[in-house]
């Protein structure tokens, strides 16, 4: 059973995430050992010890570091990911990106430098999911 694909967001995270809900606005830095799900607005820097999910319509105004991430919203700041970064078609990133592996959906807007620290090429894809 443990070999089944982990499709649900909580299954992928493995631990209870910190949520910033849609319509919420947080000012200040956030530092969490576990995962973070951002559906609202964070005005500050983020350090996330596990997975980061930035939903469609969410905004992060600051630099962020995480182990892995899926970004579908807006980030104005630098993004540093230790492992895999997936950038959705609705994403807007204005800042530098560094990640071990990177997948970018057609339609994403990136204004800044991109550095891939691993050996795999950048994957470009058409997003099939709808927001």
N, C-alpha and C. Protein backbone atom coordinates (compact mmCIF):
# COMPACT_ATOMS: atom_id res chain seq x y z
N UNK A 1 0.80 -1.21 0.00
CA UNK A 1 0.00 0.00 0.00
C UNK A 1 0.84 1.27 0.00
N UNK A 2 2.00 1.23 0.63
CA UNK A 2 2.82 2.44 0.71
C UNK A 2 3.40 2.83 -0.64
N UNK A 3 3.35 1.94 -1.64
CA UNK A 3 3.87 2.24 -2.96
C UNK A 3 2.85 2.95 -3.85
N UNK A 4 1.64 3.18 -3.35
CA UNK A 4 0.62 3.86 -4.14
C UNK A 4 1.02 5.31 -4.38
N UNK A 5 0.66 5.88 -5.53
CA UNK A 5 0.99 7.28 -5.77
C UNK A 5 0.28 8.18 -4.76
N UNK A 6 0.97 9.24 -4.37
CA UNK A 6 0.42 10.18 -3.40
C UNK A 6 -0.17 11.35 -4.16
N UNK A 7 -1.48 11.32 -4.35
CA UNK A 7 -2.16 12.31 -5.18
C UNK A 7 -2.69 13.48 -4.37
N UNK A 8 -3.13 13.22 -3.16
CA UNK A 8 -3.68 14.30 -2.35
C UNK A 8 -2.55 15.13 -1.76
N UNK A 9 -2.75 16.43 -1.65
CA UNK A 9 -1.73 17.33 -1.14
C UNK A 9 -1.24 16.91 0.23
N UNK A 10 -2.16 16.55 1.14
CA UNK A 10 -1.77 16.15 2.48
C UNK A 10 -0.96 14.86 2.46
N UNK A 11 -1.27 13.94 1.56
CA UNK A 11 -0.49 12.71 1.44
C UNK A 11 0.95 13.02 1.04
N UNK A 12 1.12 13.97 0.17
CA UNK A 12 2.45 14.35 -0.28
C UNK A 12 3.25 15.02 0.82
N UNK A 13 2.58 15.81 1.65
CA UNK A 13 3.27 16.54 2.71
C UNK A 13 3.72 15.60 3.83
N UNK A 14 2.88 14.66 4.22
CA UNK A 14 3.23 13.72 5.26
C UNK A 14 2.99 14.22 6.67
N UNK A 15 2.98 15.51 6.91
CA UNK A 15 2.71 16.08 8.23
C UNK A 15 1.68 17.20 8.07
N UNK A 16 1.18 17.66 9.18
CA UNK A 16 0.17 18.73 9.15
C UNK A 16 0.79 20.03 8.65
N UNK A 17 0.24 20.59 7.58
CA UNK A 17 0.80 21.84 7.05
C UNK A 17 0.30 23.06 7.81
N UNK A 18 1.02 24.14 7.66
CA UNK A 18 0.58 25.46 8.10
C UNK A 18 -0.21 26.05 6.94
N UNK A 19 -1.42 26.54 7.22
CA UNK A 19 -2.27 27.14 6.20
C UNK A 19 -2.36 28.64 6.38
N UNK A 20 -2.27 29.36 5.27
CA UNK A 20 -2.64 30.77 5.24
C UNK A 20 -3.79 30.82 4.23
N UNK A 21 -4.99 31.00 4.77
CA UNK A 21 -6.21 30.83 3.98
C UNK A 21 -6.45 31.96 3.00
N UNK A 22 -7.24 31.65 1.98
CA UNK A 22 -7.68 32.64 1.00
C UNK A 22 -8.36 33.78 1.75
N UNK A 23 -8.04 35.01 1.38
CA UNK A 23 -8.61 36.19 2.03
C UNK A 23 -7.80 36.65 3.23
N UNK A 24 -6.83 35.85 3.68
CA UNK A 24 -5.97 36.23 4.81
C UNK A 24 -4.76 37.00 4.31
N UNK A 25 -4.27 37.91 5.15
CA UNK A 25 -3.06 38.67 4.82
C UNK A 25 -2.18 38.66 6.06
N UNK A 26 -0.98 38.11 5.91
CA UNK A 26 -0.02 38.02 7.00
C UNK A 26 1.15 38.93 6.66
N UNK A 27 1.56 39.77 7.63
CA UNK A 27 2.73 40.62 7.46
C UNK A 27 3.80 40.14 8.42
N UNK A 28 4.98 39.84 7.89
CA UNK A 28 6.09 39.35 8.71
C UNK A 28 6.63 38.06 8.15
N UNK A 29 7.82 37.71 8.62
CA UNK A 29 8.47 36.49 8.15
C UNK A 29 7.82 35.27 8.76
N UNK A 30 7.89 34.14 8.03
CA UNK A 30 7.37 32.88 8.54
C UNK A 30 8.48 31.83 8.43
N UNK A 31 8.60 31.03 9.48
CA UNK A 31 9.60 29.98 9.53
C UNK A 31 8.90 28.73 10.07
N UNK A 32 8.79 27.70 9.25
CA UNK A 32 8.12 26.47 9.66
C UNK A 32 8.94 25.27 9.26
N UNK A 33 9.03 24.29 10.15
CA UNK A 33 9.75 23.05 9.84
C UNK A 33 8.97 22.19 8.87
N UNK A 34 7.65 22.29 8.93
CA UNK A 34 6.79 21.46 8.09
C UNK A 34 6.38 22.19 6.83
N UNK A 35 5.37 21.67 6.14
CA UNK A 35 4.88 22.25 4.89
C UNK A 35 4.05 23.51 5.13
N UNK A 36 3.93 24.32 4.07
CA UNK A 36 3.14 25.55 4.09
C UNK A 36 2.24 25.57 2.87
N UNK A 37 0.95 25.83 3.10
CA UNK A 37 -0.01 26.02 2.01
C UNK A 37 -0.43 27.48 2.06
N UNK A 38 -0.09 28.23 1.03
CA UNK A 38 -0.41 29.65 0.96
C UNK A 38 -1.53 29.85 -0.05
N UNK A 39 -2.69 30.29 0.45
CA UNK A 39 -3.82 30.60 -0.43
C UNK A 39 -4.18 32.08 -0.32
N UNK A 40 -3.63 32.77 0.66
CA UNK A 40 -3.86 34.19 0.87
C UNK A 40 -2.62 34.98 0.46
N UNK A 41 -2.27 36.01 1.27
CA UNK A 41 -1.12 36.86 0.99
C UNK A 41 -0.15 36.84 2.16
N UNK A 42 1.12 36.64 1.86
CA UNK A 42 2.19 36.73 2.84
C UNK A 42 3.13 37.84 2.42
N UNK A 43 3.25 38.86 3.26
CA UNK A 43 4.19 39.96 3.01
C UNK A 43 5.36 39.78 3.96
N UNK A 44 6.36 39.06 3.51
CA UNK A 44 7.53 38.76 4.33
C UNK A 44 8.24 37.58 3.73
N UNK A 45 9.38 37.26 4.31
CA UNK A 45 10.18 36.14 3.82
C UNK A 45 9.67 34.84 4.42
N UNK A 46 9.89 33.75 3.70
CA UNK A 46 9.46 32.45 4.19
C UNK A 46 10.59 31.44 4.16
N UNK A 47 10.69 30.67 5.23
CA UNK A 47 11.61 29.53 5.26
C UNK A 47 10.78 28.32 5.64
N UNK A 48 10.67 27.39 4.70
CA UNK A 48 9.78 26.24 4.83
C UNK A 48 10.63 24.98 4.81
N UNK A 49 10.53 24.19 5.87
CA UNK A 49 11.37 23.00 5.99
C UNK A 49 10.90 21.82 5.17
N UNK A 50 9.74 21.91 4.56
CA UNK A 50 9.19 20.81 3.75
C UNK A 50 8.61 21.41 2.47
N UNK A 51 7.46 20.89 2.04
CA UNK A 51 6.84 21.34 0.80
C UNK A 51 6.11 22.66 0.93
N UNK A 52 6.15 23.44 -0.12
CA UNK A 52 5.46 24.72 -0.20
C UNK A 52 4.47 24.65 -1.35
N UNK A 53 3.23 25.08 -1.09
CA UNK A 53 2.22 25.17 -2.13
C UNK A 53 1.67 26.58 -2.15
N UNK A 54 1.79 27.25 -3.29
CA UNK A 54 1.24 28.60 -3.46
C UNK A 54 0.12 28.49 -4.47
N UNK A 55 -1.10 28.66 -3.99
CA UNK A 55 -2.30 28.44 -4.80
C UNK A 55 -2.53 29.56 -5.80
N UNK A 56 -3.39 29.28 -6.78
CA UNK A 56 -3.84 30.29 -7.73
C UNK A 56 -4.47 31.43 -6.94
N UNK A 57 -4.07 32.67 -7.24
CA UNK A 57 -4.61 33.84 -6.55
C UNK A 57 -3.85 34.22 -5.30
N UNK A 58 -2.97 33.35 -4.80
CA UNK A 58 -2.16 33.66 -3.62
C UNK A 58 -0.98 34.53 -4.01
N UNK A 59 -0.48 35.31 -3.02
CA UNK A 59 0.66 36.20 -3.28
C UNK A 59 1.68 36.06 -2.16
N UNK A 60 2.95 35.99 -2.54
CA UNK A 60 4.05 36.03 -1.59
C UNK A 60 4.94 37.18 -1.99
N UNK A 61 5.07 38.15 -1.11
CA UNK A 61 5.89 39.33 -1.37
C UNK A 61 7.12 39.24 -0.47
N UNK A 62 8.15 38.58 -0.95
CA UNK A 62 9.37 38.36 -0.18
C UNK A 62 10.11 37.16 -0.74
N UNK A 63 11.26 36.90 -0.17
CA UNK A 63 12.05 35.74 -0.58
C UNK A 63 11.55 34.50 0.13
N UNK A 64 11.70 33.34 -0.53
CA UNK A 64 11.24 32.08 0.07
C UNK A 64 12.25 30.98 -0.20
N UNK A 65 12.44 30.14 0.82
CA UNK A 65 13.26 28.94 0.72
C UNK A 65 12.40 27.77 1.16
N UNK A 66 12.49 26.65 0.45
CA UNK A 66 11.73 25.46 0.81
C UNK A 66 12.44 24.23 0.28
N UNK A 67 12.04 23.07 0.78
CA UNK A 67 12.61 21.82 0.28
C UNK A 67 12.09 21.53 -1.12
N UNK A 68 10.75 21.64 -1.32
CA UNK A 68 10.13 21.45 -2.64
C UNK A 68 8.97 22.43 -2.73
N UNK A 69 8.47 22.68 -3.94
CA UNK A 69 7.39 23.65 -4.08
C UNK A 69 6.60 23.45 -5.36
N UNK A 70 5.32 23.82 -5.26
CA UNK A 70 4.43 23.93 -6.41
C UNK A 70 3.86 25.34 -6.34
N UNK A 71 4.13 26.13 -7.37
CA UNK A 71 3.70 27.53 -7.39
C UNK A 71 2.71 27.75 -8.52
N UNK A 72 1.50 28.18 -8.15
CA UNK A 72 0.47 28.52 -9.14
C UNK A 72 0.06 29.98 -8.99
N UNK A 73 0.49 30.64 -7.92
CA UNK A 73 0.15 32.03 -7.65
C UNK A 73 1.30 32.96 -8.02
N UNK A 74 1.39 34.07 -7.28
CA UNK A 74 2.37 35.12 -7.58
C UNK A 74 3.42 35.21 -6.48
N UNK A 75 4.69 35.31 -6.90
CA UNK A 75 5.80 35.53 -5.98
C UNK A 75 6.59 36.73 -6.49
N UNK A 76 6.75 37.72 -5.62
CA UNK A 76 7.61 38.85 -5.93
C UNK A 76 8.77 38.77 -4.95
N UNK A 77 9.83 38.13 -5.38
CA UNK A 77 10.99 37.86 -4.54
C UNK A 77 11.72 36.65 -5.08
N UNK A 78 12.80 36.31 -4.44
CA UNK A 78 13.63 35.19 -4.89
C UNK A 78 13.10 33.87 -4.34
N UNK A 79 13.19 32.83 -5.16
CA UNK A 79 12.70 31.50 -4.81
C UNK A 79 13.89 30.54 -4.82
N UNK A 80 14.17 29.90 -3.67
CA UNK A 80 15.26 28.95 -3.57
C UNK A 80 14.68 27.62 -3.07
N UNK A 81 14.79 26.58 -3.91
CA UNK A 81 14.19 25.29 -3.61
C UNK A 81 15.29 24.23 -3.63
N UNK A 82 15.40 23.45 -2.55
CA UNK A 82 16.46 22.45 -2.43
C UNK A 82 16.27 21.27 -3.38
N UNK A 83 15.02 20.93 -3.67
CA UNK A 83 14.75 19.78 -4.53
C UNK A 83 13.94 20.20 -5.75
N UNK A 84 12.71 19.71 -5.88
CA UNK A 84 11.91 19.95 -7.09
C UNK A 84 10.99 21.16 -6.96
N UNK A 85 10.97 21.97 -8.02
CA UNK A 85 10.07 23.11 -8.14
C UNK A 85 9.21 22.92 -9.37
N UNK A 86 7.88 23.01 -9.18
CA UNK A 86 6.93 22.97 -10.29
C UNK A 86 6.25 24.32 -10.35
N UNK A 87 6.29 24.95 -11.52
CA UNK A 87 5.68 26.27 -11.72
C UNK A 87 4.49 26.08 -12.66
N UNK A 88 3.30 26.38 -12.16
CA UNK A 88 2.08 26.20 -12.92
C UNK A 88 1.85 27.29 -13.96
N UNK A 89 0.90 27.05 -14.85
CA UNK A 89 0.60 27.98 -15.95
C UNK A 89 0.11 29.33 -15.45
N UNK A 90 -0.49 29.39 -14.27
CA UNK A 90 -1.03 30.64 -13.73
C UNK A 90 -0.02 31.40 -12.88
N UNK A 91 1.17 30.86 -12.72
CA UNK A 91 2.19 31.46 -11.85
C UNK A 91 2.81 32.70 -12.47
N UNK A 92 3.13 33.65 -11.58
CA UNK A 92 3.91 34.84 -11.93
C UNK A 92 5.02 34.93 -10.90
N UNK A 93 6.26 34.90 -11.36
CA UNK A 93 7.41 35.01 -10.46
C UNK A 93 8.28 36.15 -10.94
N UNK A 94 8.46 37.14 -10.07
CA UNK A 94 9.33 38.28 -10.36
C UNK A 94 10.49 38.23 -9.37
N UNK A 95 11.56 37.55 -9.76
CA UNK A 95 12.72 37.35 -8.90
C UNK A 95 13.51 36.16 -9.40
N UNK A 96 14.65 35.94 -8.80
CA UNK A 96 15.52 34.83 -9.19
C UNK A 96 14.97 33.51 -8.68
N UNK A 97 15.24 32.45 -9.44
CA UNK A 97 14.82 31.10 -9.08
C UNK A 97 16.05 30.20 -9.06
N UNK A 98 16.17 29.40 -7.99
CA UNK A 98 17.21 28.37 -7.92
C UNK A 98 16.55 27.10 -7.40
N UNK A 99 16.75 25.98 -8.10
CA UNK A 99 16.17 24.71 -7.71
C UNK A 99 17.02 23.57 -8.26
N UNK A 100 16.95 22.41 -7.59
CA UNK A 100 17.68 21.24 -8.07
C UNK A 100 17.07 20.72 -9.35
N UNK A 101 15.72 20.66 -9.41
CA UNK A 101 15.03 20.29 -10.66
C UNK A 101 13.84 21.23 -10.83
N UNK A 102 13.49 21.47 -12.08
CA UNK A 102 12.51 22.49 -12.39
C UNK A 102 11.59 22.05 -13.52
N UNK A 103 10.28 22.23 -13.30
CA UNK A 103 9.27 21.98 -14.34
C UNK A 103 8.44 23.24 -14.46
N UNK A 104 8.27 23.75 -15.68
CA UNK A 104 7.56 24.99 -15.93
C UNK A 104 6.44 24.75 -16.93
N UNK A 105 5.20 25.10 -16.53
CA UNK A 105 4.06 24.98 -17.44
C UNK A 105 4.06 26.13 -18.43
N UNK A 106 3.65 25.84 -19.66
CA UNK A 106 3.49 26.89 -20.65
C UNK A 106 2.45 27.88 -20.14
N UNK A 107 2.76 29.17 -20.24
CA UNK A 107 1.86 30.22 -19.75
C UNK A 107 2.38 30.90 -18.50
N UNK A 108 3.29 30.26 -17.78
CA UNK A 108 3.87 30.86 -16.58
C UNK A 108 4.69 32.08 -16.96
N UNK A 109 4.70 33.08 -16.08
CA UNK A 109 5.48 34.30 -16.30
C UNK A 109 6.62 34.32 -15.29
N UNK A 110 7.85 34.39 -15.80
CA UNK A 110 9.03 34.45 -14.94
C UNK A 110 9.88 35.61 -15.40
N UNK A 111 10.12 36.54 -14.47
CA UNK A 111 10.96 37.70 -14.74
C UNK A 111 12.13 37.65 -13.77
N UNK A 112 13.23 37.02 -14.18
CA UNK A 112 14.40 36.89 -13.32
C UNK A 112 15.27 35.74 -13.80
N UNK A 113 16.40 35.59 -13.15
CA UNK A 113 17.34 34.54 -13.50
C UNK A 113 16.85 33.19 -12.99
N UNK A 114 17.22 32.14 -13.72
CA UNK A 114 16.89 30.77 -13.33
C UNK A 114 18.19 29.97 -13.25
N UNK A 115 18.40 29.31 -12.11
CA UNK A 115 19.56 28.44 -11.93
C UNK A 115 19.06 27.06 -11.52
N UNK A 116 19.46 26.04 -12.29
CA UNK A 116 19.12 24.66 -11.97
C UNK A 116 20.40 24.02 -11.43
N UNK A 117 20.35 23.56 -10.16
CA UNK A 117 21.55 23.04 -9.51
C UNK A 117 21.76 21.55 -9.75
N UNK A 118 20.75 20.85 -10.25
CA UNK A 118 20.88 19.42 -10.54
C UNK A 118 21.32 19.19 -11.97
N UNK A 119 21.33 17.92 -12.36
CA UNK A 119 21.80 17.56 -13.71
C UNK A 119 20.68 17.39 -14.72
N UNK A 120 19.42 17.38 -14.26
CA UNK A 120 18.29 17.17 -15.16
C UNK A 120 17.95 18.47 -15.89
N UNK A 121 17.53 18.37 -17.16
CA UNK A 121 17.11 19.57 -17.89
C UNK A 121 15.78 20.10 -17.36
N UNK A 122 15.51 21.36 -17.65
CA UNK A 122 14.23 21.96 -17.29
C UNK A 122 13.14 21.29 -18.12
N UNK A 123 12.05 20.91 -17.44
CA UNK A 123 10.91 20.28 -18.12
C UNK A 123 9.87 21.35 -18.40
N UNK A 124 9.42 21.43 -19.64
CA UNK A 124 8.33 22.33 -20.02
C UNK A 124 7.12 21.48 -20.35
N UNK A 125 5.94 21.90 -19.86
CA UNK A 125 4.75 21.07 -20.06
C UNK A 125 3.51 21.93 -20.22
N UNK A 126 2.47 21.32 -20.79
CA UNK A 126 1.15 21.95 -20.87
C UNK A 126 0.36 21.46 -19.68
N UNK A 127 -0.13 22.40 -18.88
CA UNK A 127 -0.91 22.03 -17.70
C UNK A 127 -2.29 21.57 -18.11
N UNK A 128 -2.69 20.42 -17.61
CA UNK A 128 -3.99 19.86 -17.95
C UNK A 128 -5.04 20.16 -16.89
N UNK A 129 -4.59 20.46 -15.66
CA UNK A 129 -5.54 20.78 -14.59
C UNK A 129 -6.09 22.19 -14.77
N UNK A 130 -7.30 22.38 -14.38
CA UNK A 130 -7.93 23.70 -14.43
C UNK A 130 -8.01 24.26 -13.03
N UNK A 131 -7.83 25.55 -12.89
CA UNK A 131 -7.87 26.21 -11.57
C UNK A 131 -9.24 26.17 -10.97
